[in-house]
Amino acid sequence: VEENAYGIDVQEVTGELAQKFGIGAEKGVIITEVDPESSAAEKGLRPGMLIVKVDREPVPDMASFNKAMAAAAAKESILLYVKIGENARYVVIKKMAKKDK
């Protein structure tokens, strides 16, 4: 499971996850957790959603997702194309503020 500055945890779609979340043969990475204080949560992202594109680039697997996220590291927001079931939409999410330790 990969965490990032945008408040979402994702992982590669496995047969088990595809069955659990009702995903067919779609390519992408699946959201497994959303920080409730993130812009992702405010925009309605939730576990089980499939991220298909990051900044309009296809992300069929974790390697391409990580590459797209690294390319977007300097940005304050990113554009995701997400799907759940037959519904798909673009969502802009913002980086989370750094938490004091």
C-alpha atoms as a PDB file:
ATOM      1  CA  VAL A   1       0.000   0.000   0.000  1.00  0.00           C
ATOM      2  CA  GLU A   2       1.423   3.361  -1.043  1.00  0.00           C
ATOM      3  CA  GLU A   3       0.733   6.583   0.852  1.00  0.00           C
ATOM      4  CA  ASN A   4       1.232  10.039  -0.572  1.00  0.00           C
ATOM      5  CA  ALA A   5       0.942  13.742   0.203  1.00  0.00           C
ATOM      6  CA  TYR A   6      -2.601  13.867  -1.166  1.00  0.00           C
ATOM      7  CA  GLY A   7      -4.209  11.781   1.594  1.00  0.00           C
ATOM      8  CA  ILE A   8      -4.963   8.611  -0.333  1.00  0.00           C
ATOM      9  CA  ASP A   9      -3.530   5.120  -0.029  1.00  0.00           C
ATOM     10  CA  VAL A  10      -3.554   3.000  -3.160  1.00  0.00           C
ATOM     11  CA  GLN A  11      -2.425  -0.391  -4.313  1.00  0.00           C
ATOM     12  CA  GLU A  12      -2.287  -2.424  -7.469  1.00  0.00           C
ATOM     13  CA  VAL A  13      -5.502  -4.203  -8.346  1.00  0.00           C
ATOM     14  CA  THR A  14      -5.264  -7.886  -7.469  1.00  0.00           C
ATOM     15  CA  GLY A  15      -7.837 -10.567  -8.168  1.00  0.00           C
ATOM     16  CA  GLU A  16      -8.885 -10.451  -4.513  1.00  0.00           C
ATOM     17  CA  LEU A  17      -9.311  -6.650  -4.496  1.00  0.00           C
ATOM     18  CA  ALA A  18     -11.115  -6.710  -7.834  1.00  0.00           C
ATOM     19  CA  GLN A  19     -13.591  -9.204  -6.409  1.00  0.00           C
ATOM     20  CA  LYS A  20     -13.966  -7.309  -3.108  1.00  0.00           C
ATOM     21  CA  PHE A  21     -14.716  -3.998  -4.848  1.00  0.00           C
ATOM     22  CA  GLY A  22     -16.499  -5.391  -7.927  1.00  0.00           C
ATOM     23  CA  ILE A  23     -13.904  -4.268 -10.464  1.00  0.00           C
ATOM     24  CA  GLY A  24     -13.763  -6.100 -13.760  1.00  0.00           C
ATOM     25  CA  ALA A  25     -10.665  -6.268 -15.941  1.00  0.00           C
ATOM     26  CA  GLU A  26     -10.056  -2.544 -15.563  1.00  0.00           C
ATOM     27  CA  LYS A  27      -6.496  -1.240 -15.399  1.00  0.00           C
ATOM     28  CA  GLY A  28      -5.522   1.233 -12.709  1.00  0.00           C
ATOM     29  CA  VAL A  29      -4.742   1.446  -9.012  1.00  0.00           C
ATOM     30  CA  ILE A  30      -7.374   1.091  -6.342  1.00  0.00           C
ATOM     31  CA  ILE A  31      -7.914   3.494  -3.464  1.00  0.00           C
ATOM     32  CA  THR A  32      -7.709   1.506  -0.240  1.00  0.00           C
ATOM     33  CA  GLU A  33      -7.886   4.363   2.274  1.00  0.00           C
ATOM     34  CA  VAL A  34      -8.662   8.099   2.288  1.00  0.00           C
ATOM     35  CA  ASP A  35      -7.536  10.490   5.021  1.00  0.00           C
ATOM     36  CA  PRO A  36     -10.760  12.072   6.337  1.00  0.00           C
ATOM     37  CA  GLU A  37      -9.026  15.477   6.589  1.00  0.00           C
ATOM     38  CA  SER A  38      -7.830  15.476   2.972  1.00  0.00           C
ATOM     39  CA  SER A  39      -9.156  17.284  -0.063  1.00  0.00           C
ATOM     40  CA  ALA A  40      -9.618  13.791  -1.555  1.00  0.00           C
ATOM     41  CA  ALA A  41     -12.218  13.044   1.138  1.00  0.00           C
ATOM     42  CA  GLU A  42     -13.900  16.419   0.555  1.00  0.00           C
ATOM     43  CA  LYS A  43     -14.171  15.568  -3.158  1.00  0.00           C
ATOM     44  CA  GLY A  44     -15.867  12.254  -2.390  1.00  0.00           C
ATOM     45  CA  LEU A  45     -13.024   9.841  -3.071  1.00  0.00           C
ATOM     46  CA  ARG A  46     -13.378   6.615  -1.119  1.00  0.00           C
ATOM     47  CA  PRO A  47     -11.970   3.100  -0.893  1.00  0.00           C
ATOM     48  CA  GLY A  48     -12.862   0.935  -3.852  1.00  0.00           C
ATOM     49  CA  MET A  49     -12.542   3.697  -6.442  1.00  0.00           C
ATOM     50  CA  LEU A  50     -10.174   2.991  -9.297  1.00  0.00           C
ATOM     51  CA  ILE A  51      -7.683   5.675 -10.347  1.00  0.00           C
ATOM     52  CA  VAL A  52      -7.284   5.314 -14.098  1.00  0.00           C
ATOM     53  CA  LYS A  53      -5.340   8.511 -14.905  1.00  0.00           C
ATOM     54  CA  VAL A  54      -3.150  11.030 -13.076  1.00  0.00           C
ATOM     55  CA  ASP A  55      -2.876  14.421 -14.806  1.00  0.00           C
ATOM     56  CA  ARG A  56      -4.394  12.825 -17.934  1.00  0.00           C
ATOM     57  CA  GLU A  57      -1.692  10.104 -18.087  1.00  0.00           C
ATOM     58  CA  PRO A  58      -2.925   6.486 -17.884  1.00  0.00           C
ATOM     59  CA  VAL A  59      -1.801   4.649 -14.737  1.00  0.00           C
ATOM     60  CA  PRO A  60      -2.490   0.939 -15.384  1.00  0.00           C
ATOM     61  CA  ASP A  61      -0.240  -0.215 -12.515  1.00  0.00           C
ATOM     62  CA  MET A  62       1.672   0.944  -9.424  1.00  0.00           C
ATOM     63  CA  ALA A  63       4.859   1.674 -11.375  1.00  0.00           C
ATOM     64  CA  SER A  64       3.083   4.126 -13.691  1.00  0.00           C
ATOM     65  CA  PHE A  65       1.100   5.609 -10.776  1.00  0.00           C
ATOM     66  CA  ASN A  66       4.306   6.203  -8.787  1.00  0.00           C
ATOM     67  CA  LYS A  67       5.981   7.753 -11.851  1.00  0.00           C
ATOM     68  CA  ALA A  68       3.005  10.091 -12.402  1.00  0.00           C
ATOM     69  CA  MET A  69       2.927  11.055  -8.722  1.00  0.00           C
ATOM     70  CA  ALA A  70       6.685  11.755  -8.744  1.00  0.00           C
ATOM     71  CA  ALA A  71       6.223  13.976 -11.813  1.00  0.00           C
ATOM     72  CA  ALA A  72       3.478  15.848  -9.941  1.00  0.00           C
ATOM     73  CA  ALA A  73       5.462  16.171  -6.689  1.00  0.00           C
ATOM     74  CA  ALA A  74       6.071  19.911  -7.096  1.00  0.00           C
ATOM     75  CA  LYS A  75       2.392  20.646  -7.755  1.00  0.00           C
ATOM     76  CA  GLU A  76      -0.078  21.702  -5.092  1.00  0.00           C
ATOM     77  CA  SER A  77      -2.891  19.793  -6.800  1.00  0.00           C
ATOM     78  CA  ILE A  78      -3.362  16.915  -9.223  1.00  0.00           C
ATOM     79  CA  LEU A  79      -6.088  15.831 -11.602  1.00  0.00           C
ATOM     80  CA  LEU A  80      -7.314  12.258 -11.158  1.00  0.00           C
ATOM     81  CA  TYR A  81      -9.658  10.307 -13.404  1.00  0.00           C
ATOM     82  CA  VAL A  82     -11.514   7.901 -11.118  1.00  0.00           C
ATOM     83  CA  LYS A  83     -14.085   5.193 -11.729  1.00  0.00           C
ATOM     84  CA  ILE A  84     -16.494   3.322  -9.539  1.00  0.00           C
ATOM     85  CA  GLY A  85     -18.740   0.868 -11.315  1.00  0.00           C
ATOM     86  CA  GLU A  86     -19.929   2.448 -14.559  1.00  0.00           C
ATOM     87  CA  ASN A  87     -19.419   5.994 -13.249  1.00  0.00           C
ATOM     88  CA  ALA A  88     -16.251   7.926 -14.045  1.00  0.00           C
ATOM     89  CA  ARG A  89     -15.203  11.498 -13.388  1.00  0.00           C
ATOM     90  CA  TYR A  90     -12.265  13.864 -13.143  1.00  0.00           C
ATOM     91  CA  VAL A  91     -11.410  15.165  -9.676  1.00  0.00           C
ATOM     92  CA  VAL A  92      -8.819  17.745  -8.627  1.00  0.00           C
ATOM     93  CA  ILE A  93      -7.314  17.080  -5.213  1.00  0.00           C
ATOM     94  CA  LYS A  94      -4.874  19.212  -3.249  1.00  0.00           C
ATOM     95  CA  LYS A  95      -1.848  18.286  -1.186  1.00  0.00           C
ATOM     96  CA  MET A  96      -2.447  17.991   2.514  1.00  0.00           C
ATOM     97  CA  ALA A  97      -0.803  20.459   4.872  1.00  0.00           C
ATOM     98  CA  LYS A  98       2.206  18.976   6.597  1.00  0.00           C
ATOM     99  CA  LYS A  99       1.299  17.784  10.073  1.00  0.00           C
ATOM    100  CA  ASP A 100       3.403  18.962  13.001  1.00  0.00           C
ATOM    101  CA  LYS A 101       5.127  16.135  14.810  1.00  0.00           C
END
